[in-house]
Protein backbone atom coordinates (compact mmCIF):
# COMPACT_ATOMS: atom_id res chain seq x y z
CA MET A 1 23.01 -13.35 33.64
CA ILE A 2 22.48 -9.83 34.40
CA ASP A 3 20.02 -8.91 37.57
CA PRO A 4 16.71 -7.27 36.11
CA SER A 5 17.32 -4.37 38.85
CA ASP A 6 20.28 -3.44 36.87
CA LYS A 7 18.56 -2.67 33.84
CA LYS A 8 16.27 -0.15 32.46
CA ILE A 9 12.51 -1.06 33.47
CA ALA A 10 9.82 -0.99 30.74
CA LEU A 11 6.20 -1.50 31.20
CA VAL A 12 4.40 -2.68 27.79
CA THR A 13 0.66 -2.88 28.04
CA GLY A 14 -1.01 -4.81 25.19
CA ALA A 15 2.43 -7.00 24.70
CA SER A 16 1.13 -10.22 23.30
CA ARG A 17 0.52 -9.39 19.88
CA GLY A 18 0.89 -6.79 17.27
CA LEU A 19 2.92 -3.42 17.76
CA GLY A 20 2.82 -3.86 21.72
CA PHE A 21 4.40 -7.49 21.08
CA ALA A 22 7.07 -5.88 18.76
CA PHE A 23 8.02 -3.24 21.29
CA ALA A 24 8.27 -5.68 24.11
CA SER A 25 10.68 -7.84 21.98
CA ALA A 26 12.59 -5.29 20.72
CA LEU A 27 13.15 -3.48 24.37
CA GLY A 28 13.69 -7.07 25.53
CA GLN A 29 16.51 -7.64 23.12
CA GLU A 30 18.05 -4.33 23.39
CA GLY A 31 18.86 -5.05 27.09
CA TRP A 32 15.61 -3.43 29.25
CA HIS A 33 13.85 -5.49 31.63
CA VAL A 34 10.03 -5.72 30.09
CA LEU A 35 7.27 -5.99 32.34
CA ALA A 36 4.72 -7.43 29.61
CA VAL A 37 1.21 -7.05 30.30
CA ALA A 38 -1.77 -8.50 28.30
CA ARG A 39 -4.83 -10.79 28.65
CA THR A 40 -3.56 -13.56 26.09
CA THR A 41 -0.92 -15.78 27.95
CA GLY A 42 -0.02 -17.63 24.99
CA GLY A 43 1.09 -14.54 23.24
CA LEU A 44 3.40 -13.23 26.35
CA GLU A 45 4.95 -16.96 26.62
CA GLU A 46 5.75 -16.45 22.82
CA LEU A 47 7.37 -13.24 23.91
CA ASP A 48 9.17 -14.17 26.60
CA ASP A 49 10.97 -17.07 24.52
CA GLN A 50 11.79 -14.94 21.92
CA VAL A 51 13.34 -12.26 24.59
CA GLN A 52 15.14 -15.03 26.49
CA SER A 53 16.65 -16.56 23.55
CA ALA A 54 18.17 -13.07 22.73
CA GLY A 55 19.51 -12.98 26.26
CA GLY A 56 17.07 -10.48 27.67
CA SER A 57 14.54 -10.74 30.55
CA THR A 58 10.99 -10.12 30.99
CA THR A 59 8.32 -10.40 33.60
CA LEU A 60 4.70 -11.63 32.35
CA ALA A 61 1.62 -9.79 33.69
CA PRO A 62 -1.42 -12.09 32.25
CA MET A 63 -4.03 -9.31 33.55
CA ASP A 64 -6.74 -7.00 31.80
CA ILE A 65 -5.99 -3.47 32.00
CA THR A 66 -9.47 -2.85 32.59
CA ASP A 67 -9.27 -4.48 36.34
CA ASP A 68 -8.02 -1.54 38.58
CA ALA A 69 -7.26 -3.69 41.63
CA ALA A 70 -5.04 -5.65 39.40
CA MET A 71 -3.44 -3.11 37.81
CA LEU A 72 -2.88 -0.95 40.84
CA HIS A 73 -1.22 -4.15 42.48
CA LEU A 74 1.36 -4.34 39.36
CA ALA A 75 2.09 -0.45 39.99
CA GLY A 76 2.80 -1.14 43.73
CA SER A 77 4.68 -4.25 42.81
CA ILE A 78 6.88 -2.18 40.38
CA GLY A 79 7.29 0.57 43.29
CA GLN A 80 8.55 -1.88 46.00
CA ARG A 81 10.63 -3.73 43.29
CA TRP A 82 12.16 -0.92 41.53
CA GLY A 83 11.26 2.55 42.87
CA LYS A 84 10.70 3.73 39.39
CA LEU A 85 9.62 3.19 35.85
CA ASP A 86 11.81 4.20 32.91
CA LEU A 87 9.28 3.59 29.91
CA TRP A 88 5.58 2.87 29.53
CA VAL A 89 4.59 2.04 26.28
CA HIS A 90 0.66 2.02 25.99
CA ALA A 91 -0.51 -0.47 23.12
CA ALA A 92 -3.49 -2.22 24.50
CA ILE A 93 -6.71 -1.50 22.47
CA HIS A 94 -10.10 -2.64 22.29
CA ALA A 95 -11.02 -2.51 18.02
CA ALA A 96 -14.59 -3.00 18.04
CA PRO A 97 -16.29 -3.85 14.89
CA LEU A 98 -17.03 -1.55 12.04
CA SER A 99 -20.65 -0.41 12.35
CA PRO A 100 -22.68 2.75 11.35
CA ALA A 101 -23.25 5.08 14.25
CA GLY A 102 -26.70 4.40 14.06
CA HIS A 103 -26.37 0.71 14.87
CA LEU A 104 -23.41 0.92 17.42
CA ASP A 105 -23.24 -2.33 19.61
CA PRO A 106 -23.79 -0.66 23.39
CA LYS A 107 -21.77 -3.79 24.72
CA ASP A 108 -18.91 -3.01 22.31
CA PHE A 109 -18.92 0.83 22.88
CA ASP A 110 -18.82 0.07 26.48
CA LYS A 111 -15.95 -2.14 26.17
CA SER A 112 -14.28 0.33 23.96
CA THR A 113 -14.92 3.08 26.63
CA ALA A 114 -13.39 0.89 29.15
CA CYS A 115 -10.20 -0.17 27.67
CA ASN A 116 -9.38 2.62 25.54
CA LEU A 117 -10.36 5.67 27.67
CA ARG A 118 -11.11 4.76 31.15
CA ALA A 119 -8.00 2.34 31.63
CA THR A 120 -5.70 4.88 30.26
CA ALA A 121 -7.16 7.49 32.70
CA ALA A 122 -6.57 4.91 35.49
CA LEU A 123 -3.13 3.68 34.30
CA ILE A 124 -1.85 7.71 34.07
CA THR A 125 -2.89 7.85 37.72
CA MET A 126 -0.82 4.92 38.73
CA LEU A 127 1.86 5.33 36.56
CA ASP A 128 2.83 8.94 36.98
CA PRO A 129 4.75 9.03 39.82
CA LEU A 130 6.56 5.85 38.77
CA LEU A 131 7.61 7.68 35.70
CA ARG A 132 8.49 10.83 37.37
CA ALA A 133 10.88 8.78 39.83
CA GLY A 134 12.66 7.29 36.74
CA ASN A 135 12.84 10.64 34.70
CA GLY A 136 10.89 8.33 32.47
CA THR A 137 8.73 8.52 29.33
CA ALA A 138 5.17 7.36 28.65
CA LEU A 139 4.59 6.37 24.62
CA PHE A 140 0.96 6.67 23.23
CA LEU A 141 0.33 5.25 19.70
CA ASP A 142 -2.21 7.66 17.63
CA ASP A 143 -4.52 6.29 15.25
CA PRO A 144 -6.37 9.05 13.70
CA ARG A 145 -9.86 7.38 12.90
CA GLY A 146 -11.87 9.44 14.64
CA GLY A 147 -14.89 10.85 12.38
CA GLU A 148 -14.26 8.31 9.83
CA LYS A 149 -17.47 6.63 8.79
CA PHE A 150 -18.04 3.31 10.37
CA PHE A 151 -15.16 3.66 12.97
CA GLY A 152 -17.31 5.29 15.74
CA ALA A 153 -16.97 3.10 18.78
CA TYR A 154 -12.96 2.71 17.91
CA GLY A 155 -12.35 6.03 16.31
CA ALA A 156 -14.36 8.09 18.95
CA THR A 157 -12.69 6.43 22.24
CA LYS A 158 -9.19 6.30 20.79
CA ALA A 159 -9.57 10.30 19.78
CA GLY A 160 -10.53 10.41 23.63
CA GLN A 161 -7.44 8.58 24.59
CA ILE A 162 -4.93 10.62 22.40
CA ALA A 163 -6.81 13.78 24.08
CA LEU A 164 -6.08 12.56 27.21
CA ALA A 165 -2.52 11.91 26.66
CA ARG A 166 -2.00 15.39 25.26
CA SER A 167 -3.33 17.21 28.19
CA TRP A 168 -0.86 14.99 30.32
CA LYS A 169 1.97 15.89 28.03
CA SER A 170 1.24 19.48 28.59
CA GLU A 171 0.84 19.24 32.08
CA SER A 172 4.26 17.23 32.61
CA GLU A 173 6.41 19.25 30.22
CA LYS A 174 8.19 21.14 32.87
CA ILE A 175 7.84 18.47 35.96
CA GLY A 176 7.83 15.08 33.80
CA PRO A 177 7.34 12.67 32.96
CA ARG A 178 7.88 13.09 29.09
CA VAL A 179 4.84 11.98 27.09
CA LEU A 180 5.39 11.22 23.43
CA ILE A 181 2.67 10.37 20.93
CA GLU A 182 3.66 8.91 17.72
CA THR A 183 1.45 8.04 14.64
CA PRO A 184 2.58 4.34 13.31
CA ARG A 185 2.72 3.64 9.59
CA PRO A 186 -0.20 1.42 8.48
CA MET A 187 1.04 -2.18 9.38
CA ALA A 188 0.08 -5.66 8.80
CA THR A 189 -1.39 -6.55 11.98
CA ALA A 190 -4.55 -8.81 12.70
CA THR A 191 -6.62 -5.71 13.93
CA ARG A 192 -6.00 -3.98 10.45
CA ALA A 193 -7.01 -7.10 8.59
CA ARG A 194 -10.65 -7.04 10.47
CA PHE A 195 -10.94 -3.37 9.56
CA PHE A 196 -9.60 -3.91 5.89
CA PRO A 197 -10.37 -7.66 4.83
CA GLY A 198 -8.99 -8.70 1.57
CA GLU A 199 -6.31 -5.50 1.37
CA ASP A 200 -3.14 -5.59 -0.27
CA ARG A 201 -0.75 -6.40 2.81
CA ALA A 202 2.63 -6.22 0.50
CA SER A 203 2.70 -2.42 0.84
CA LEU A 204 1.98 -2.37 4.66
CA ALA A 205 4.80 -2.05 7.33
CA ASP A 206 6.58 -4.80 9.27
CA ILE A 207 5.02 -4.26 12.92
CA HIS A 208 9.25 -5.21 14.22
CA ASP A 209 10.44 -2.55 11.57
CA GLU A 210 8.16 -0.02 13.07
CA ALA A 211 8.35 -0.56 16.66
CA ARG A 212 12.39 0.12 15.76
CA ARG A 213 11.53 3.37 13.98
CA ILE A 214 9.39 4.49 16.87
CA LEU A 215 11.38 3.48 19.52
CA ALA A 216 14.61 5.42 17.56
CA ALA A 217 12.58 8.85 18.46
CA LEU A 218 13.12 7.74 22.36
């Protein structure tokens, strides 16, 4: 078995389901060592089984990205073990229920802000030096719902996340890391099913096909 130290290192936040799972699976099967972060332990274990069956390797990190202390410890461990990070795929998201702007649940909005915006800002701070050390890439996934009706909490915080990523991208063009922002095609995910119940899913993209398409841009 190839030692993980001989492989490229990818961190995938939000790796237990949906597109994050597909990214982590594809990278693991393509020879990367995948550090998989998510709160759902069962999804992470399923990912590990899938990657290992293809001869790949993962490190599972069942934690919440809004826990600054846990994420700082993880970043420190990456630095001590590998000294760098080749790729960060940020697929973690809190998709608050659809609601008119005049009836937003404060708890849902606070959770959206904590996960989609504040945690992203904290992770950029923690991971920037590791990505620069590895001449690495940070990949963000846009979902331009900002301003659409009923998408207030999700749309506003996701738009804020991408605005932050664009600032980082502009600031890093000459010194690194490389920052990419891609917009996935509509996919048959559980999150989309909550937003659009009853939608005909036959025309929606498969998450694994979409992950491979976006990774090809790397």
